[in-house]
Amino acid sequence: MGLSTILLIIGIACIILSFFLKDSSKKLEKDLEELSISIYQETNTLKKRLKVVEEELFLEPNFTVKSPAATKQPIESKSTVFAEQLNKTSNVKMKQINEILVSQVIELNRQGYSIEKISKMSTLSKDQVVSIIHNGGNR
């Protein structure tokens, strides 16, 4: 028996043996796919929760987080953030005034902003701002 015959027999035995052994790469692939789906679902639930929290904070303009950096910021920067949030919601049709926008106009009035400034921040007309303030947000 030559060396080539021995190598041929060993090769055939390895091929036959490979059919009977479990393929661990398929199990690993399945586990990786399950992990990927799990992470995707968890990310989506976290995004939904974050969106709910952002909406709650957006509805409550008096809510502030106390931190050393936040207390050192001037009030102007907080009102600028508030104004940016106000401008985001005012992209709704002018004829329909969103209740969130109404509450923000009332809050800006409580903070001492002039009607002209509130009008500029909210992109509402001065008449609409005056109407909201006089009605106290009631339609």
N, C-alpha and C. Protein backbone atom coordinates (compact mmCIF):
# COMPACT_ATOMS: atom_id res chain seq x y z
N MET A 1 0.83 -1.17 0.00
CA MET A 1 0.00 0.00 0.00
C MET A 1 0.88 1.24 0.00
N GLY A 2 0.54 2.07 -0.89
CA GLY A 2 1.33 3.27 -0.99
C GLY A 2 0.76 4.39 -0.12
N LEU A 3 1.53 5.39 -0.02
CA LEU A 3 1.15 6.57 0.77
C LEU A 3 -0.10 7.23 0.20
N SER A 4 -0.22 7.24 -1.11
CA SER A 4 -1.38 7.87 -1.74
C SER A 4 -2.67 7.11 -1.41
N THR A 5 -2.61 5.79 -1.31
CA THR A 5 -3.78 4.98 -0.98
C THR A 5 -4.22 5.25 0.46
N ILE A 6 -3.26 5.35 1.37
CA ILE A 6 -3.57 5.62 2.78
C ILE A 6 -4.22 7.00 2.91
N LEU A 7 -3.67 7.98 2.22
CA LEU A 7 -4.24 9.33 2.26
C LEU A 7 -5.64 9.35 1.66
N LEU A 8 -5.88 8.57 0.61
CA LEU A 8 -7.19 8.49 -0.01
C LEU A 8 -8.21 7.88 0.95
N ILE A 9 -7.84 6.83 1.65
CA ILE A 9 -8.73 6.18 2.62
C ILE A 9 -9.03 7.13 3.78
N ILE A 10 -8.02 7.82 4.27
CA ILE A 10 -8.22 8.79 5.37
C ILE A 10 -9.15 9.92 4.90
N GLY A 11 -8.98 10.40 3.70
CA GLY A 11 -9.83 11.46 3.15
C GLY A 11 -11.28 11.03 3.03
N ILE A 12 -11.51 9.81 2.51
CA ILE A 12 -12.87 9.29 2.38
C ILE A 12 -13.49 9.10 3.76
N ALA A 13 -12.72 8.61 4.72
CA ALA A 13 -13.22 8.42 6.09
C ALA A 13 -13.60 9.77 6.71
N CYS A 14 -12.82 10.79 6.47
CA CYS A 14 -13.13 12.13 7.01
C CYS A 14 -14.41 12.68 6.38
N ILE A 15 -14.60 12.45 5.09
CA ILE A 15 -15.82 12.92 4.42
C ILE A 15 -17.04 12.21 4.98
N ILE A 16 -16.96 10.89 5.14
CA ILE A 16 -18.09 10.12 5.69
C ILE A 16 -18.35 10.54 7.13
N LEU A 17 -17.30 10.74 7.90
CA LEU A 17 -17.44 11.16 9.30
C LEU A 17 -18.08 12.55 9.40
N SER A 18 -17.80 13.42 8.46
CA SER A 18 -18.35 14.78 8.50
C SER A 18 -19.87 14.79 8.31
N PHE A 19 -20.43 13.77 7.64
CA PHE A 19 -21.88 13.70 7.49
C PHE A 19 -22.58 13.37 8.80
N PHE A 20 -21.89 12.64 9.68
CA PHE A 20 -22.50 12.21 10.94
C PHE A 20 -22.30 13.20 12.08
N LEU A 21 -21.35 14.09 11.96
CA LEU A 21 -21.10 15.08 13.01
C LEU A 21 -22.08 16.25 12.87
N LYS A 22 -22.45 16.84 14.01
CA LYS A 22 -23.34 18.00 13.99
C LYS A 22 -22.59 19.20 13.43
N ASP A 23 -23.34 20.02 12.73
CA ASP A 23 -22.76 21.25 12.20
C ASP A 23 -22.98 22.35 13.23
N SER A 24 -21.94 22.73 13.94
CA SER A 24 -22.05 23.74 15.00
C SER A 24 -22.22 25.15 14.43
N SER A 25 -21.85 25.35 13.19
CA SER A 25 -21.98 26.69 12.62
C SER A 25 -23.45 27.07 12.43
N LYS A 26 -24.32 26.09 12.15
CA LYS A 26 -25.74 26.39 12.01
C LYS A 26 -26.33 26.81 13.35
N LYS A 27 -25.93 26.13 14.41
CA LYS A 27 -26.41 26.50 15.75
C LYS A 27 -25.90 27.89 16.12
N LEU A 28 -24.65 28.15 15.83
CA LEU A 28 -24.08 29.45 16.11
C LEU A 28 -24.78 30.54 15.30
N GLU A 29 -25.08 30.25 14.05
CA GLU A 29 -25.79 31.21 13.20
C GLU A 29 -27.19 31.48 13.75
N LYS A 30 -27.87 30.43 14.20
CA LYS A 30 -29.21 30.59 14.77
C LYS A 30 -29.16 31.42 16.05
N ASP A 31 -28.19 31.14 16.91
CA ASP A 31 -28.04 31.91 18.15
C ASP A 31 -27.75 33.38 17.86
N LEU A 32 -26.92 33.63 16.89
CA LEU A 32 -26.58 35.00 16.52
C LEU A 32 -27.81 35.74 15.97
N GLU A 33 -28.61 35.04 15.19
CA GLU A 33 -29.82 35.64 14.64
C GLU A 33 -30.82 35.97 15.75
N GLU A 34 -30.98 35.05 16.71
CA GLU A 34 -31.88 35.30 17.85
C GLU A 34 -31.39 36.48 18.68
N LEU A 35 -30.09 36.57 18.89
CA LEU A 35 -29.52 37.68 19.64
C LEU A 35 -29.75 39.00 18.91
N SER A 36 -29.57 38.98 17.61
CA SER A 36 -29.78 40.18 16.81
C SER A 36 -31.23 40.65 16.88
N ILE A 37 -32.17 39.73 16.78
CA ILE A 37 -33.59 40.08 16.87
C ILE A 37 -33.91 40.61 18.25
N SER A 38 -33.35 39.98 19.26
CA SER A 38 -33.59 40.41 20.64
C SER A 38 -33.09 41.84 20.86
N ILE A 39 -31.91 42.13 20.38
CA ILE A 39 -31.34 43.48 20.53
C ILE A 39 -32.18 44.49 19.75
N TYR A 40 -32.63 44.12 18.57
CA TYR A 40 -33.47 45.01 17.76
C TYR A 40 -34.78 45.33 18.48
N GLN A 41 -35.42 44.30 19.06
CA GLN A 41 -36.67 44.52 19.78
C GLN A 41 -36.44 45.39 21.02
N GLU A 42 -35.37 45.14 21.72
CA GLU A 42 -35.06 45.93 22.92
C GLU A 42 -34.80 47.39 22.55
N THR A 43 -34.09 47.61 21.46
CA THR A 43 -33.83 48.97 20.99
C THR A 43 -35.13 49.68 20.64
N ASN A 44 -36.02 48.98 19.98
CA ASN A 44 -37.31 49.59 19.62
C ASN A 44 -38.13 49.94 20.85
N THR A 45 -38.16 49.05 21.85
CA THR A 45 -38.92 49.37 23.06
C THR A 45 -38.30 50.55 23.80
N LEU A 46 -36.98 50.63 23.82
CA LEU A 46 -36.33 51.77 24.47
C LEU A 46 -36.62 53.06 23.72
N LYS A 47 -36.65 53.01 22.40
CA LYS A 47 -36.99 54.21 21.63
C LYS A 47 -38.41 54.66 21.92
N LYS A 48 -39.33 53.71 22.01
CA LYS A 48 -40.72 54.05 22.31
C LYS A 48 -40.83 54.67 23.70
N ARG A 49 -40.15 54.07 24.67
CA ARG A 49 -40.19 54.62 26.03
C ARG A 49 -39.59 56.02 26.07
N LEU A 50 -38.48 56.21 25.37
CA LEU A 50 -37.83 57.52 25.33
C LEU A 50 -38.75 58.55 24.69
N LYS A 51 -39.46 58.15 23.65
CA LYS A 51 -40.39 59.07 23.00
C LYS A 51 -41.50 59.47 23.96
N VAL A 52 -42.02 58.51 24.74
CA VAL A 52 -43.07 58.81 25.71
C VAL A 52 -42.55 59.78 26.76
N VAL A 53 -41.34 59.54 27.26
CA VAL A 53 -40.76 60.41 28.28
C VAL A 53 -40.54 61.81 27.71
N GLU A 54 -40.04 61.90 26.47
CA GLU A 54 -39.84 63.21 25.86
C GLU A 54 -41.16 63.95 25.71
N GLU A 55 -42.21 63.23 25.34
CA GLU A 55 -43.52 63.88 25.20
C GLU A 55 -44.03 64.36 26.55
N GLU A 56 -43.81 63.56 27.60
CA GLU A 56 -44.24 63.97 28.93
C GLU A 56 -43.48 65.22 29.38
N LEU A 57 -42.19 65.25 29.13
CA LEU A 57 -41.39 66.41 29.50
C LEU A 57 -41.80 67.62 28.66
N PHE A 58 -42.17 67.37 27.43
CA PHE A 58 -42.58 68.45 26.54
C PHE A 58 -43.92 69.03 27.00
N LEU A 59 -44.77 68.20 27.57
CA LEU A 59 -46.07 68.67 28.05
C LEU A 59 -45.95 69.40 29.38
N GLU A 60 -44.90 69.12 30.14
CA GLU A 60 -44.70 69.75 31.44
C GLU A 60 -43.52 70.71 31.35
N PRO A 61 -43.75 71.96 30.94
CA PRO A 61 -42.63 72.89 30.75
C PRO A 61 -41.96 73.30 32.05
N ASN A 62 -42.60 73.11 33.21
CA ASN A 62 -41.99 73.48 34.47
C ASN A 62 -41.01 72.43 34.98
N PHE A 63 -40.98 71.26 34.35
CA PHE A 63 -40.11 70.18 34.78
C PHE A 63 -38.67 70.51 34.42
N THR A 64 -37.79 70.48 35.43
CA THR A 64 -36.37 70.71 35.18
C THR A 64 -35.57 69.68 35.94
N VAL A 65 -34.45 69.29 35.39
CA VAL A 65 -33.55 68.35 36.04
C VAL A 65 -32.48 69.17 36.73
N LYS A 66 -32.30 68.96 38.02
CA LYS A 66 -31.32 69.71 38.79
C LYS A 66 -29.96 69.04 38.64
N SER A 67 -29.04 69.75 38.04
CA SER A 67 -27.67 69.27 37.95
C SER A 67 -26.75 70.48 38.06
N PRO A 68 -25.51 70.27 38.44
CA PRO A 68 -24.61 71.41 38.60
C PRO A 68 -24.46 72.22 37.30
N ALA A 69 -24.41 71.55 36.17
CA ALA A 69 -24.25 72.26 34.90
C ALA A 69 -25.51 73.05 34.56
N ALA A 70 -26.66 72.50 34.90
CA ALA A 70 -27.92 73.17 34.55
C ALA A 70 -28.14 74.41 35.40
N THR A 71 -27.69 74.41 36.65
CA THR A 71 -27.90 75.58 37.50
C THR A 71 -27.00 76.73 37.10
N LYS A 72 -25.89 76.45 36.44
CA LYS A 72 -24.98 77.51 36.03
C LYS A 72 -25.40 78.15 34.71
N GLN A 73 -26.29 77.48 33.95
CA GLN A 73 -26.73 78.03 32.67
C GLN A 73 -27.64 79.22 32.92
N PRO A 74 -27.53 80.24 32.10
CA PRO A 74 -28.44 81.38 32.25
C PRO A 74 -29.86 80.99 31.84
N ILE A 75 -30.80 81.78 32.31
CA ILE A 75 -32.21 81.51 32.03
C ILE A 75 -32.48 81.65 30.54
N GLU A 76 -31.72 82.49 29.85
CA GLU A 76 -31.93 82.69 28.42
C GLU A 76 -31.80 81.38 27.65
N SER A 77 -30.80 80.54 28.02
CA SER A 77 -30.61 79.29 27.28
C SER A 77 -31.78 78.35 27.51
N LYS A 78 -32.35 78.34 28.72
CA LYS A 78 -33.52 77.49 28.98
C LYS A 78 -34.71 77.98 28.18
N SER A 79 -34.88 79.29 28.11
CA SER A 79 -36.01 79.82 27.35
C SER A 79 -35.80 79.61 25.85
N THR A 80 -34.54 79.58 25.41
CA THR A 80 -34.26 79.31 24.01
C THR A 80 -34.65 77.88 23.66
N VAL A 81 -34.31 76.94 24.53
CA VAL A 81 -34.71 75.55 24.31
C VAL A 81 -36.22 75.44 24.29
N PHE A 82 -36.86 76.14 25.20
CA PHE A 82 -38.33 76.13 25.27
C PHE A 82 -38.92 76.71 23.99
N ALA A 83 -38.30 77.78 23.49
CA ALA A 83 -38.78 78.41 22.26
C ALA A 83 -38.58 77.48 21.06
N GLU A 84 -37.47 76.73 21.03
CA GLU A 84 -37.25 75.79 19.95
C GLU A 84 -38.30 74.69 19.97
N GLN A 85 -38.64 74.20 21.16
CA GLN A 85 -39.69 73.20 21.27
C GLN A 85 -41.02 73.78 20.82
N LEU A 86 -41.25 75.02 21.16
CA LEU A 86 -42.48 75.68 20.76
C LEU A 86 -42.56 75.80 19.24
N ASN A 87 -41.44 76.12 18.61
CA ASN A 87 -41.43 76.25 17.15
C ASN A 87 -41.64 74.91 16.47
N LYS A 88 -41.16 73.82 17.07
CA LYS A 88 -41.36 72.50 16.48
C LYS A 88 -42.84 72.14 16.43
N THR A 89 -43.57 72.48 17.48
CA THR A 89 -44.99 72.13 17.51
C THR A 89 -45.83 73.08 16.69
N SER A 90 -45.32 74.26 16.40
CA SER A 90 -46.14 75.24 15.68
C SER A 90 -46.15 75.01 14.19
N ASN A 91 -45.51 73.95 13.73
CA ASN A 91 -45.56 73.62 12.31
C ASN A 91 -46.92 73.05 11.93
N VAL A 92 -47.79 72.88 12.89
CA VAL A 92 -49.15 72.42 12.63
C VAL A 92 -49.87 73.54 11.91
N LYS A 93 -50.95 73.23 11.21
CA LYS A 93 -51.69 74.25 10.48
C LYS A 93 -52.06 75.39 11.41
N MET A 94 -52.00 76.61 10.88
CA MET A 94 -52.26 77.78 11.71
C MET A 94 -53.70 77.83 12.18
N LYS A 95 -54.62 77.27 11.41
CA LYS A 95 -56.02 77.32 11.78
C LYS A 95 -56.30 76.44 12.99
N GLN A 96 -55.61 75.32 13.08
CA GLN A 96 -55.78 74.43 14.21
C GLN A 96 -54.66 74.71 15.21
N ILE A 97 -55.02 75.21 16.37
CA ILE A 97 -54.02 75.50 17.38
C ILE A 97 -53.95 74.30 18.31
N ASN A 98 -52.80 73.68 18.34
CA ASN A 98 -52.58 72.49 19.15
C ASN A 98 -52.69 72.84 20.64
N GLU A 99 -53.22 71.92 21.44
CA GLU A 99 -53.35 72.18 22.88
C GLU A 99 -51.99 72.35 23.54
N ILE A 100 -51.00 71.65 23.05
CA ILE A 100 -49.65 71.81 23.58
C ILE A 100 -49.17 73.23 23.32
N LEU A 101 -49.43 73.74 22.14
CA LEU A 101 -49.05 75.10 21.78
C LEU A 101 -49.77 76.11 22.65
N VAL A 102 -51.04 75.84 22.94
CA VAL A 102 -51.81 76.74 23.81
C VAL A 102 -51.18 76.78 25.19
N SER A 103 -50.84 75.60 25.74
CA SER A 103 -50.24 75.58 27.08
C SER A 103 -48.87 76.27 27.08
N GLN A 104 -48.13 76.17 25.99
CA GLN A 104 -46.83 76.82 25.93
C GLN A 104 -46.98 78.34 25.84
N VAL A 105 -47.98 78.81 25.09
CA VAL A 105 -48.22 80.25 25.01
C VAL A 105 -48.58 80.79 26.38
N ILE A 106 -49.43 80.07 27.10
CA ILE A 106 -49.81 80.50 28.45
C ILE A 106 -48.59 80.51 29.37
N GLU A 107 -47.75 79.49 29.25
CA GLU A 107 -46.55 79.41 30.09
C GLU A 107 -45.58 80.55 29.77
N LEU A 108 -45.40 80.86 28.50
CA LEU A 108 -44.52 81.97 28.13
C LEU A 108 -45.07 83.29 28.67
N ASN A 109 -46.38 83.44 28.67
CA ASN A 109 -47.00 84.64 29.21
C ASN A 109 -46.75 84.72 30.72
N ARG A 110 -46.84 83.58 31.41
CA ARG A 110 -46.56 83.56 32.85
C ARG A 110 -45.12 83.93 33.14
N GLN A 111 -44.22 83.57 32.23
CA GLN A 111 -42.81 83.87 32.42
C GLN A 111 -42.49 85.33 32.13
N GLY A 112 -43.47 86.08 31.64
CA GLY A 112 -43.28 87.50 31.46
C GLY A 112 -42.90 87.93 30.06
N TYR A 113 -43.01 87.06 29.08
CA TYR A 113 -42.69 87.44 27.71
C TYR A 113 -43.80 88.33 27.16
N SER A 114 -43.41 89.24 26.30
CA SER A 114 -44.40 90.13 25.68
C SER A 114 -45.18 89.36 24.62
N ILE A 115 -46.33 89.90 24.26
CA ILE A 115 -47.18 89.25 23.26
C ILE A 115 -46.46 89.17 21.92
N GLU A 116 -45.70 90.21 21.58
CA GLU A 116 -44.96 90.21 20.33
C GLU A 116 -43.92 89.10 20.30
N LYS A 117 -43.21 88.94 21.42
CA LYS A 117 -42.17 87.92 21.48
C LYS A 117 -42.77 86.52 21.44
N ILE A 118 -43.89 86.34 22.15
CA ILE A 118 -44.58 85.04 22.12
C ILE A 118 -45.06 84.75 20.70
N SER A 119 -45.54 85.78 20.03
CA SER A 119 -46.02 85.62 18.66
C SER A 119 -44.88 85.19 17.74
N LYS A 120 -43.71 85.78 17.92
CA LYS A 120 -42.56 85.41 17.09
C LYS A 120 -42.09 83.99 17.40
N MET A 121 -42.07 83.63 18.69
CA MET A 121 -41.61 82.30 19.08
C MET A 121 -42.55 81.20 18.59
N SER A 122 -43.84 81.48 18.63
CA SER A 122 -44.82 80.45 18.31
C SER A 122 -45.29 80.49 16.87
N THR A 123 -44.92 81.49 16.14
CA THR A 123 -45.37 81.73 14.76
C THR A 123 -46.89 81.85 14.67
N LEU A 124 -47.52 82.20 15.77
CA LEU A 124 -48.95 82.52 15.77
C LEU A 124 -49.10 84.02 15.58
N SER A 125 -50.25 84.43 15.13
CA SER A 125 -50.48 85.87 15.00
C SER A 125 -50.69 86.47 16.39
N LYS A 126 -50.52 87.78 16.48
CA LYS A 126 -50.71 88.45 17.77
C LYS A 126 -52.14 88.29 18.25
N ASP A 127 -53.09 88.31 17.32
CA ASP A 127 -54.49 88.14 17.69
C ASP A 127 -54.74 86.75 18.30
N GLN A 128 -54.11 85.72 17.71
CA GLN A 128 -54.27 84.37 18.25
C GLN A 128 -53.67 84.27 19.65
N VAL A 129 -52.49 84.88 19.83
CA VAL A 129 -51.84 84.85 21.14
C VAL A 129 -52.70 85.56 22.18
N VAL A 130 -53.22 86.74 21.83
CA VAL A 130 -54.07 87.49 22.75
C VAL A 130 -55.32 86.68 23.08
N SER A 131 -55.90 86.05 22.07
CA SER A 131 -57.10 85.24 22.28
C SER A 131 -56.82 84.08 23.22
N ILE A 132 -55.70 83.42 23.05
CA ILE A 132 -55.34 82.29 23.92
C ILE A 132 -55.15 82.78 25.34
N ILE A 133 -54.45 83.91 25.52
CA ILE A 133 -54.18 84.43 26.86
C ILE A 133 -55.48 84.87 27.54
N HIS A 134 -56.35 85.57 26.82
CA HIS A 134 -57.60 86.04 27.41
C HIS A 134 -58.55 84.90 27.74
N ASN A 135 -58.56 83.87 26.92
CA ASN A 135 -59.44 82.73 27.17
C ASN A 135 -58.84 81.75 28.16
N GLY A 136 -57.61 81.95 28.52
CA GLY A 136 -56.95 81.05 29.47
C GLY A 136 -56.74 79.66 28.89
N GLY A 137 -56.68 79.56 27.58
CA GLY A 137 -56.46 78.28 26.93
C GLY A 137 -57.74 77.56 26.58
N ASN A 138 -58.89 78.06 27.04
CA ASN A 138 -60.17 77.44 26.71
C ASN A 138 -60.62 77.91 25.34
N ARG A 139 -61.17 76.98 24.59
CA ARG A 139 -61.60 77.35 23.24
C ARG A 139 -63.04 77.73 23.22
